[in-house]
Amino acid sequence: MQDIKTYINQNKDRFIEELIDLLKIPSISADSSYKQDVKRAAEVVRERLKEAGCDTVELYETPGNPVVFGEKIIDKNLPTVLIYGHYDVQPPDPIDLWEKPPFEPVIKTTELHPEGAIFARGSSDDKGQMYMHVKALEFMTKNDQLPCNIKFMIEGEEEVGSVNLGWFLERHANVVSNDVILISDTSMISRDVPSITTGLRGLSYMEVEVTGPNRDLHSGLYGGAVANPINVLSKLIASLQDENNRITIPGFYDKVEELSEQERSKMAEAPFDLEDYKRKLAIGDVQGEAGYSTLERGAIRPTLDVNGIWGGYTGEGAKTVLPSKAYAKISMRLVPNQDWKEISELFQKHFESIAPKSVTVKVNAHHGGQAYVTPIDTLEYQAANDAYEEAFGKTPIPQRSGGSIPIVSLFEETMKSKTILMGFGLDTDAIHSPNEHFGIWNYLKGIQTIPLFFKHFARLKQEAKS
């Protein structure tokens, strides 16, 4: 029987090669032209789960992309851990900002990753972190160290809002029943400071369309006399925040959770170097809602950001056109007590009300999800805490994340299970951005730590029975 560190050292080259093969597949769920690649990624995950030791592996078809399900039940009287992850990835745009093609993975050393990092779309979000669990299962099954039942639910639509996961859960709730859900799709503070994500922000994702004249017009003949939709859209967007960077949508803050001074002081204990933060982002200063720190702005306060804006002529050279239409994609990150559907309605009502009569506007809600907070006084959290302590030699810091995993609140509602977020990425991994990467050290450390969660979870469950 091998220990986990020895097993990783003996197999790390294979672990890296297998991940690279998965990263070569452009499983972009937002673009229907990649549907076959998305399906191929699901099939590869299915095969890898079989090889790792799952006794049952299936592709469950949905109205969208398939859900990969796998399980190994060693004793129905033992607790069951459900692993959730996703095999779909964000679009790689803008392509010209990638140093290497996004689906041709390369390993490069960096200041933060002297052992090397894998640069590719999906390396950290979430193929690399999801695949840690597959390799952890392989170790536990081959070395007779699986102390719990294990199930996998790996979907292909997380990056487009998990639009069919609720449909799947309604029909297969008994299949994925569990005692705890384990997810690695978040980050930790640093390699030297482990942390457990205890909160996620919710999300409301909107798209707006502003229409002026019934066709593109000559800007010399019509400019100044007819509303330019791009100009109007820019003004509308600018008006959504005031001089203190507070969102101006009426009712937006009505249900926002306000943390106590004690909780905010606890957050401030997390190590954070503002100058280093600015240096790594190559910015002169930070910006955000007045009265809150950078850490608070990025975790416990709601936001509104334009994710994309377009219209008119954007090709090479000049074309003097007054466009007929302008568009923008806008996301709002939400905090506990803010309902994403309610916020989406407030946004639509407000945006339509402030548009001038010279244009018409159309607002569409793409997808969203609720915020989620994990209590730190539970057996499940203690198991994760003990696993990090054993792997890192340090007690992890509980930390709220600014990101969103919309289905986490759905899981608690439908499966009545707590979710534990054991992320091994870093904030500098450039997820959703060009040159996304995942440190090899982080990847292997995750494989080392995950089996320890199973060990401590089984122990604590047994102690609770005694």
Protein backbone atom coordinates (compact mmCIF):
# COMPACT_ATOMS: atom_id res chain seq x y z
CA MET A 1 0.00 0.00 0.00
CA GLN A 2 1.48 3.33 -1.11
CA ASP A 3 1.07 6.72 0.52
CA ILE A 4 -0.36 9.51 -1.58
CA LYS A 5 2.88 11.48 -1.97
CA THR A 6 4.77 8.45 -3.31
CA TYR A 7 1.93 7.62 -5.69
CA ILE A 8 1.87 11.17 -7.05
CA ASN A 9 5.65 11.25 -7.54
CA GLN A 10 5.54 7.97 -9.46
CA ASN A 11 2.63 9.02 -11.68
CA LYS A 12 2.87 12.81 -11.98
CA ASP A 13 4.05 12.81 -15.61
CA ARG A 14 1.06 10.68 -16.61
CA PHE A 15 -1.30 12.85 -14.55
CA ILE A 16 -0.07 15.95 -16.40
CA GLU A 17 -0.25 14.29 -19.83
CA GLU A 18 -3.83 13.15 -19.24
CA LEU A 19 -4.89 16.64 -18.23
CA ILE A 20 -3.18 18.14 -21.27
CA ASP A 21 -5.08 15.74 -23.54
CA LEU A 22 -8.36 16.90 -21.99
CA LEU A 23 -7.37 20.56 -22.33
CA LYS A 24 -6.82 20.13 -26.07
CA ILE A 25 -10.56 19.66 -26.56
CA PRO A 26 -12.28 23.04 -27.23
CA SER A 27 -15.41 22.29 -25.19
CA ILE A 28 -16.90 25.79 -25.42
CA SER A 29 -20.50 25.55 -24.26
CA ALA A 30 -21.41 29.14 -25.19
CA ASP A 31 -20.82 28.51 -28.91
CA SER A 32 -23.05 25.90 -30.57
CA SER A 33 -20.48 25.30 -33.31
CA TYR A 34 -18.39 23.47 -30.69
CA LYS A 35 -21.18 21.09 -29.66
CA GLN A 36 -19.34 18.00 -30.93
CA ASP A 37 -16.21 19.01 -29.03
CA VAL A 38 -18.27 19.44 -25.88
CA LYS A 39 -19.66 15.92 -26.36
CA ARG A 40 -16.14 14.58 -26.98
CA ALA A 41 -14.93 16.10 -23.71
CA ALA A 42 -17.80 14.38 -21.88
CA GLU A 43 -16.85 11.06 -23.42
CA VAL A 44 -13.21 11.47 -22.38
CA VAL A 45 -14.26 12.24 -18.79
CA ARG A 46 -16.45 9.14 -18.83
CA GLU A 47 -13.56 6.94 -19.92
CA ARG A 48 -11.20 8.44 -17.34
CA LEU A 49 -13.71 7.77 -14.56
CA LYS A 50 -13.92 4.14 -15.62
CA GLU A 51 -10.15 3.83 -15.61
CA ALA A 52 -9.91 5.52 -12.19
CA GLY A 53 -12.14 2.95 -10.55
CA CYS A 54 -15.82 3.88 -10.90
CA ASP A 55 -17.98 0.75 -11.13
CA THR A 56 -20.78 2.60 -12.90
CA VAL A 57 -20.27 5.39 -15.44
CA GLU A 58 -22.95 6.86 -17.69
CA LEU A 59 -23.61 9.83 -19.94
CA TYR A 60 -27.03 11.24 -19.07
CA GLU A 61 -28.48 13.19 -21.96
CA THR A 62 -30.24 16.49 -21.22
CA PRO A 63 -31.93 19.05 -23.47
CA GLY A 64 -28.44 20.55 -23.70
CA ASN A 65 -25.06 18.97 -23.02
CA PRO A 66 -24.72 15.60 -21.27
CA VAL A 67 -24.01 15.06 -17.59
CA VAL A 68 -21.27 12.54 -16.84
CA PHE A 69 -22.18 10.40 -13.85
CA GLY A 70 -19.91 7.91 -12.14
CA GLU A 71 -19.99 6.09 -8.83
CA LYS A 72 -18.23 3.56 -6.67
CA ILE A 73 -20.34 2.25 -3.82
CA ILE A 74 -18.27 0.23 -1.37
CA ASP A 75 -20.84 -0.03 1.44
CA LYS A 76 -24.33 1.46 1.49
CA ASN A 77 -23.97 2.02 5.23
CA LEU A 78 -21.03 4.40 4.68
CA PRO A 79 -21.40 8.12 3.87
CA THR A 80 -21.43 9.22 0.24
CA VAL A 81 -19.42 12.13 -1.19
CA LEU A 82 -20.66 13.67 -4.45
CA ILE A 83 -18.02 15.35 -6.59
CA TYR A 84 -19.32 18.15 -8.81
CA GLY A 85 -17.33 19.75 -11.61
CA HIS A 86 -17.66 20.82 -15.22
CA TYR A 87 -15.92 19.93 -18.46
CA ASP A 88 -17.09 22.94 -20.47
CA VAL A 89 -14.96 26.06 -20.77
CA GLN A 90 -15.30 29.77 -21.45
CA PRO A 91 -14.76 31.12 -24.97
CA PRO A 92 -11.06 31.99 -25.40
CA ASP A 93 -11.61 35.45 -26.92
CA PRO A 94 -9.74 37.66 -27.51
CA ILE A 95 -7.53 35.13 -29.27
CA ASP A 96 -4.82 37.64 -30.23
CA LEU A 97 -3.97 38.21 -26.55
CA TRP A 98 -2.99 34.59 -25.98
CA GLU A 99 0.75 33.98 -26.09
CA LYS A 100 0.05 30.47 -27.41
CA PRO A 101 -3.18 29.05 -28.91
CA PRO A 102 -5.70 28.42 -26.10
CA PHE A 103 -6.25 24.77 -26.94
CA GLU A 104 -2.60 23.88 -27.51
CA PRO A 105 -1.48 23.54 -23.87
CA VAL A 106 2.07 24.53 -22.96
CA ILE A 107 3.97 24.32 -19.68
CA LYS A 108 5.90 27.42 -18.64
CA THR A 109 7.62 28.47 -15.45
CA THR A 110 6.54 31.72 -13.81
CA GLU A 111 7.40 33.70 -10.70
CA LEU A 112 4.52 32.06 -8.81
CA HIS A 113 4.98 28.66 -10.45
CA PRO A 114 8.67 27.73 -10.53
CA GLU A 115 7.69 24.08 -11.12
CA GLY A 116 5.69 25.17 -14.15
CA ALA A 117 2.08 25.95 -14.98
CA ILE A 118 -0.13 24.59 -17.74
CA PHE A 119 -1.35 27.41 -19.99
CA ALA A 120 -4.63 26.57 -21.74
CA ARG A 121 -8.29 27.49 -21.65
CA GLY A 122 -9.96 25.48 -18.89
CA SER A 123 -6.72 24.58 -17.12
CA SER A 124 -7.86 26.09 -13.81
CA ASP A 125 -11.57 26.57 -14.56
CA ASP A 126 -12.43 23.79 -14.27
CA LYS A 127 -10.82 20.87 -16.09
CA GLY A 128 -7.64 20.93 -14.03
CA GLN A 129 -9.43 21.19 -10.71
CA MET A 130 -12.12 18.69 -11.68
CA TYR A 131 -9.52 16.20 -12.89
CA MET A 132 -7.73 16.29 -9.51
CA HIS A 133 -10.71 14.36 -8.13
CA VAL A 134 -10.45 11.71 -10.86
CA LYS A 135 -6.81 11.11 -9.98
CA ALA A 136 -7.57 11.17 -6.25
CA LEU A 137 -10.14 8.42 -6.87
CA GLU A 138 -7.54 6.45 -8.81
CA PHE A 139 -5.17 6.58 -5.85
CA MET A 140 -7.84 5.62 -3.32
CA THR A 141 -9.16 2.66 -5.32
CA LYS A 142 -5.78 1.26 -6.33
CA ASN A 143 -4.45 1.51 -2.79
CA ASP A 144 -7.58 0.39 -0.96
CA GLN A 145 -7.93 3.76 0.76
CA LEU A 146 -11.47 4.77 -0.23
CA PRO A 147 -13.30 5.14 3.12
CA CYS A 148 -16.58 6.51 1.70
CA ASN A 149 -18.83 5.91 -1.25
CA ILE A 150 -18.09 8.33 -4.08
CA LYS A 151 -20.19 9.76 -6.90
CA PHE A 152 -19.29 12.14 -9.72
CA MET A 153 -21.63 14.59 -11.45
CA ILE A 154 -19.63 16.43 -14.13
CA GLU A 155 -21.67 18.73 -16.35
CA GLY A 156 -21.10 20.60 -19.60
CA GLU A 157 -23.06 23.83 -19.13
CA GLU A 158 -21.63 25.54 -16.04
CA GLU A 159 -20.16 28.36 -18.09
CA VAL A 160 -23.60 29.16 -19.53
CA GLY A 161 -25.47 29.04 -16.23
CA SER A 162 -26.06 25.27 -15.79
CA VAL A 163 -29.30 25.75 -17.69
CA ASN A 164 -30.24 22.05 -17.71
CA LEU A 165 -28.78 20.83 -14.44
CA GLY A 166 -32.02 21.50 -12.57
CA TRP A 167 -33.81 19.44 -15.23
CA PHE A 168 -31.34 16.60 -14.62
CA LEU A 169 -31.68 16.77 -10.84
CA GLU A 170 -35.47 16.67 -10.99
CA ARG A 171 -35.30 13.39 -12.90
CA HIS A 172 -32.32 11.73 -11.24
CA ALA A 173 -32.32 12.94 -7.63
CA ASN A 174 -32.02 9.39 -6.33
CA VAL A 175 -29.00 8.74 -8.54
CA VAL A 176 -26.98 11.63 -7.09
CA SER A 177 -28.16 11.35 -3.46
CA ASN A 178 -25.30 12.07 -1.08
CA ASP A 179 -24.16 13.20 2.35
CA VAL A 180 -21.96 16.06 1.19
CA ILE A 181 -21.01 17.73 -2.10
CA LEU A 182 -17.37 18.50 -2.80
CA ILE A 183 -16.37 21.07 -5.43
CA SER A 184 -12.99 22.33 -6.59
CA ASP A 185 -13.78 25.35 -8.77
CA THR A 186 -12.43 28.16 -6.60
CA SER A 187 -9.05 29.46 -5.44
CA MET A 188 -6.99 29.69 -2.27
CA ILE A 189 -5.15 32.71 -0.93
CA SER A 190 -1.68 31.46 -1.87
CA ARG A 191 0.48 28.36 -1.90
CA ASP A 192 1.66 29.24 1.60
CA VAL A 193 -1.75 30.31 2.93
CA PRO A 194 -4.43 27.68 2.29
CA SER A 195 -8.04 28.76 2.47
CA ILE A 196 -11.52 27.31 2.15
CA THR A 197 -14.14 29.23 0.22
CA THR A 198 -17.13 29.74 2.50
CA GLY A 199 -19.22 32.06 0.37
CA LEU A 200 -20.06 32.69 -3.27
CA ARG A 201 -21.79 35.65 -4.80
CA GLY A 202 -24.90 35.22 -6.88
CA LEU A 203 -25.19 36.31 -10.49
CA SER A 204 -27.57 38.06 -12.84
CA TYR A 205 -26.38 38.16 -16.46
CA MET A 206 -28.17 40.52 -18.83
CA GLU A 207 -27.92 41.57 -22.46
CA VAL A 208 -29.25 44.90 -23.75
CA GLU A 209 -29.97 46.07 -27.28
CA VAL A 210 -30.45 49.74 -28.17
CA THR A 211 -31.99 50.57 -31.56
CA GLY A 212 -32.08 53.99 -33.17
CA PRO A 213 -32.81 54.48 -36.91
CA ASN A 214 -34.06 51.57 -39.01
CA ARG A 215 -30.72 51.25 -40.81
CA ASP A 216 -27.09 52.37 -40.53
CA LEU A 217 -26.78 56.01 -41.60
CA HIS A 218 -24.09 58.27 -43.04
CA SER A 219 -22.67 60.03 -39.97
CA GLY A 220 -22.07 63.23 -41.90
CA LEU A 221 -25.60 63.52 -43.25
CA TYR A 222 -27.40 62.37 -40.10
CA GLY A 223 -24.94 62.89 -37.24
CA GLY A 224 -26.23 65.40 -34.71
CA ALA A 225 -29.80 65.05 -35.90
CA VAL A 226 -30.51 61.38 -35.14
CA ALA A 227 -29.65 59.54 -31.93
CA ASN A 228 -26.55 57.37 -32.12
CA PRO A 229 -27.35 54.09 -30.28
CA ILE A 230 -23.74 53.64 -29.18
CA ASN A 231 -23.64 57.13 -27.66
CA VAL A 232 -26.98 56.55 -25.95
CA LEU A 233 -25.95 53.11 -24.66
CA SER A 234 -22.74 54.55 -23.24
CA LYS A 235 -24.68 57.20 -21.33
CA LEU A 236 -27.19 54.67 -20.03
CA ILE A 237 -24.44 52.40 -18.78
CA ALA A 238 -22.55 55.29 -17.19
CA SER A 239 -25.69 56.28 -15.28
CA LEU A 240 -25.94 52.84 -13.62
CA GLN A 241 -23.30 53.85 -11.06
CA ASP A 242 -22.89 57.11 -9.16
CA GLU A 243 -19.75 59.03 -8.19
CA ASN A 244 -19.19 56.66 -5.24
CA ASN A 245 -19.51 53.61 -7.51
CA ARG A 246 -22.85 52.72 -5.95
CA ILE A 247 -25.36 51.08 -8.27
CA THR A 248 -28.27 53.41 -9.00
CA ILE A 249 -30.98 50.87 -9.83
CA PRO A 250 -33.90 51.58 -7.44
CA GLY A 251 -34.32 48.78 -4.91
CA PHE A 252 -30.98 47.16 -5.77
CA TYR A 253 -29.59 47.35 -2.22
CA ASP A 254 -32.85 46.74 -0.34
CA LYS A 255 -31.98 43.16 0.66
CA VAL A 256 -28.19 43.32 0.66
CA GLU A 257 -26.63 41.51 3.63
CA GLU A 258 -24.58 43.91 5.73
CA LEU A 259 -21.76 42.18 7.61
CA SER A 260 -21.01 43.14 11.20
CA GLU A 261 -17.83 44.98 12.10
CA GLN A 262 -16.63 41.80 13.78
CA GLU A 263 -17.06 39.81 10.55
CA ARG A 264 -15.37 42.53 8.51
CA SER A 265 -12.46 42.59 10.96
CA LYS A 266 -12.11 38.84 10.59
CA MET A 267 -11.97 39.21 6.81
CA ALA A 268 -9.25 41.83 7.15
CA GLU A 269 -6.99 39.28 8.86
CA ALA A 270 -6.43 37.51 5.55
CA PRO A 271 -2.99 38.42 4.15
CA PHE A 272 -3.31 41.00 1.40
CA ASP A 273 -0.72 43.33 -0.14
CA LEU A 274 -2.47 46.12 -2.02
CA GLU A 275 0.69 47.30 -3.78
CA ASP A 276 1.48 43.77 -4.93
CA TYR A 277 -2.13 43.39 -6.08
CA LYS A 278 -1.85 46.52 -8.23
CA ARG A 279 1.57 45.51 -9.55
CA LYS A 280 0.37 42.11 -10.72
CA LEU A 281 -2.57 43.71 -12.55
CA ALA A 282 -0.45 46.56 -13.94
CA ILE A 283 -2.90 49.18 -12.64
CA GLY A 284 -2.18 52.54 -11.04
CA ASP A 285 -4.93 52.28 -8.45
CA VAL A 286 -7.98 50.28 -7.41
CA GLN A 287 -11.58 51.43 -7.78
CA GLY A 288 -14.85 50.40 -6.21
CA GLU A 289 -17.69 51.18 -3.87
CA ALA A 290 -16.74 53.85 -1.37
CA GLY A 291 -16.39 52.76 2.25
CA TYR A 292 -15.16 49.22 1.59
CA SER A 293 -11.75 47.61 1.23
CA THR A 294 -10.56 45.91 -1.93
CA LEU A 295 -11.09 42.48 -0.35
CA GLU A 296 -14.62 43.42 0.69
CA ARG A 297 -15.48 44.87 -2.71
CA GLY A 298 -14.44 41.62 -4.33
CA ALA A 299 -16.34 39.28 -2.01
CA ILE A 300 -19.18 40.70 0.09
CA ARG A 301 -20.49 43.63 -1.97
CA PRO A 302 -22.67 43.48 -5.08
CA THR A 303 -21.33 44.75 -8.39
CA LEU A 304 -22.37 45.74 -11.90
CA ASP A 305 -19.95 45.33 -14.79
CA VAL A 306 -20.08 45.56 -18.56
CA ASN A 307 -18.67 42.33 -19.97
CA GLY A 308 -18.89 43.28 -23.61
CA ILE A 309 -20.09 46.19 -25.76
CA TRP A 310 -20.35 46.43 -29.52
CA GLY A 311 -22.04 48.10 -32.48
CA GLY A 312 -21.24 50.04 -35.63
CA TYR A 313 -18.02 49.56 -37.57
CA THR A 314 -15.09 47.87 -35.83
CA GLY A 315 -13.03 46.69 -38.80
CA GLU A 316 -9.75 48.05 -40.09
CA GLY A 317 -9.62 51.61 -41.25
CA ALA A 318 -12.52 54.09 -41.15
CA LYS A 319 -16.18 53.92 -42.03
CA THR A 320 -18.25 56.99 -41.19
CA VAL A 321 -21.41 55.28 -40.05
CA LEU A 322 -24.09 56.10 -37.53
CA PRO A 323 -25.15 52.60 -36.46
CA SER A 324 -28.69 51.36 -36.21
CA LYS A 325 -28.01 49.22 -33.15
CA ALA A 326 -25.70 48.89 -30.15
CA TYR A 327 -25.38 46.03 -27.68
CA ALA A 328 -23.88 45.25 -24.29
CA LYS A 329 -23.62 42.28 -21.96
CA ILE A 330 -23.84 43.22 -18.29
CA SER A 331 -23.29 41.04 -15.24
CA MET A 332 -24.26 41.79 -11.66
CA ARG A 333 -22.62 39.84 -8.83
CA LEU A 334 -25.03 39.51 -5.94
CA VAL A 335 -24.70 38.87 -2.21
CA PRO A 336 -26.83 36.84 0.24
CA ASN A 337 -30.53 37.78 0.33
CA GLN A 338 -30.48 39.28 -3.18
CA ASP A 339 -32.65 37.16 -5.46
CA TRP A 340 -31.21 37.04 -8.97
CA LYS A 341 -34.61 36.96 -10.68
CA GLU A 342 -35.81 39.95 -8.69
CA ILE A 343 -32.61 41.87 -9.48
CA SER A 344 -32.96 41.00 -13.17
CA GLU A 345 -36.48 42.45 -13.16
CA LEU A 346 -35.32 45.60 -11.35
CA PHE A 347 -32.55 46.05 -13.92
CA GLN A 348 -34.91 45.64 -16.85
CA LYS A 349 -37.51 48.03 -15.45
CA HIS A 350 -34.89 50.67 -14.67
CA PHE A 351 -33.01 50.38 -17.95
CA GLU A 352 -36.18 50.69 -19.98
CA SER A 353 -37.35 53.66 -17.90
CA ILE A 354 -34.19 55.74 -18.41
CA ALA A 355 -33.94 55.25 -22.19
CA PRO A 356 -34.72 58.41 -24.21
CA LYS A 357 -37.58 58.36 -26.74
CA SER A 358 -35.04 58.65 -29.56
CA VAL A 359 -34.23 54.94 -29.20
CA THR A 360 -35.92 51.70 -28.24
CA VAL A 361 -34.34 49.19 -25.89
CA LYS A 362 -34.64 45.45 -25.47
CA VAL A 363 -33.43 43.71 -22.30
CA ASN A 364 -32.86 39.98 -22.03
CA ALA A 365 -31.90 38.01 -18.91
CA HIS A 366 -29.50 35.23 -19.91
CA HIS A 367 -29.01 33.31 -16.67
CA GLY A 368 -28.22 33.70 -13.01
CA GLY A 369 -28.06 32.11 -9.60
CA GLN A 370 -28.27 32.79 -5.89
CA ALA A 371 -25.44 33.58 -3.48
CA TYR A 372 -24.33 30.85 -1.07
CA VAL A 373 -22.67 30.79 2.33
CA THR A 374 -21.21 27.66 3.96
CA PRO A 375 -21.26 27.61 7.77
CA ILE A 376 -17.88 26.84 9.33
CA ASP A 377 -19.22 25.02 12.39
CA THR A 378 -20.26 21.86 10.56
CA LEU A 379 -18.76 18.38 10.42
CA GLU A 380 -18.30 18.77 6.66
CA TYR A 381 -16.28 21.96 7.03
CA GLN A 382 -14.20 20.40 9.81
CA ALA A 383 -13.28 17.52 7.51
CA ALA A 384 -11.99 19.98 4.90
CA ASN A 385 -10.17 21.97 7.57
CA ASP A 386 -8.42 18.82 8.86
CA ALA A 387 -7.50 17.76 5.33
CA TYR A 388 -5.79 21.08 4.60
CA GLU A 389 -4.02 21.05 7.95
CA GLU A 390 -2.58 17.61 7.22
CA ALA A 391 -1.56 18.42 3.65
CA PHE A 392 -0.25 21.97 4.18
CA GLY A 393 0.76 21.89 7.84
CA LYS A 394 -1.36 25.02 8.38
CA THR A 395 -4.91 25.79 9.38
CA PRO A 396 -6.83 27.10 6.34
CA ILE A 397 -8.48 30.51 6.45
CA PRO A 398 -12.23 30.63 5.72
CA GLN A 399 -12.73 33.14 2.92
CA ARG A 400 -15.65 34.36 0.84
CA SER A 401 -15.17 34.44 -2.92
CA GLY A 402 -16.36 37.05 -5.37
CA GLY A 403 -17.12 34.43 -7.99
CA SER A 404 -20.34 32.58 -8.63
CA ILE A 405 -21.25 28.92 -8.97
CA PRO A 406 -25.01 29.33 -9.47
CA ILE A 407 -25.91 25.70 -8.90
CA VAL A 408 -24.55 25.51 -5.34
CA SER A 409 -27.69 27.04 -3.84
CA LEU A 410 -29.75 24.77 -6.10
CA PHE A 411 -27.93 21.74 -4.66
CA GLU A 412 -28.90 22.62 -1.10
CA GLU A 413 -32.48 23.24 -2.16
CA THR A 414 -32.90 20.01 -4.14
CA MET A 415 -30.53 17.57 -2.42
CA LYS A 416 -30.54 19.04 1.11
CA SER A 417 -26.75 18.68 1.18
CA LYS A 418 -24.00 21.04 2.27
CA THR A 419 -21.38 21.98 -0.28
CA ILE A 420 -17.70 22.24 0.58
CA LEU A 421 -15.56 24.35 -1.76
CA MET A 422 -11.98 23.09 -1.77
CA GLY A 423 -10.30 25.16 -4.47
CA PHE A 424 -6.62 24.90 -5.36
CA GLY A 425 -6.29 27.64 -7.97
CA LEU A 426 -4.84 31.10 -7.42
CA ASP A 427 -6.42 34.47 -8.14
CA THR A 428 -3.65 35.02 -10.70
CA ASP A 429 -4.67 32.00 -12.82
CA ALA A 430 -6.35 34.32 -15.35
CA ILE A 431 -9.56 32.30 -15.50
CA HIS A 432 -11.98 33.65 -18.14
CA SER A 433 -9.02 35.62 -19.55
CA PRO A 434 -6.31 35.09 -22.15
CA ASN A 435 -3.38 32.96 -20.93
CA GLU A 436 -5.37 31.06 -18.30
CA HIS A 437 -3.09 28.68 -16.43
CA PHE A 438 -2.95 26.24 -13.53
CA GLY A 439 0.18 25.54 -11.52
CA ILE A 440 1.47 21.98 -11.63
CA TRP A 441 2.25 22.26 -7.90
CA ASN A 442 -1.37 23.27 -7.26
CA TYR A 443 -2.69 20.43 -9.41
CA LEU A 444 -0.65 17.81 -7.60
CA LYS A 445 -1.32 19.36 -4.18
CA GLY A 446 -5.02 19.03 -4.86
CA ILE A 447 -4.64 15.36 -5.68
CA GLN A 448 -2.76 14.95 -2.39
CA THR A 449 -5.34 16.81 -0.28
CA ILE A 450 -8.62 15.40 -1.62
CA PRO A 451 -8.17 11.83 -0.26
CA LEU A 452 -7.52 13.39 3.15
CA PHE A 453 -10.98 14.97 3.04
CA PHE A 454 -12.47 11.50 2.54
CA LYS A 455 -10.42 10.13 5.44
CA HIS A 456 -11.43 12.86 7.87
CA PHE A 457 -15.05 12.98 6.71
CA ALA A 458 -15.43 9.23 7.29
CA ARG A 459 -13.76 9.56 10.69
CA LEU A 460 -15.92 12.45 11.83
CA LYS A 461 -19.12 10.76 10.63
CA GLN A 462 -18.18 7.66 12.58
CA GLU A 463 -17.38 9.69 15.69
CA ALA A 464 -20.74 11.46 15.41
CA LYS A 465 -22.47 8.07 15.48
CA SER A 466 -20.58 6.89 18.53
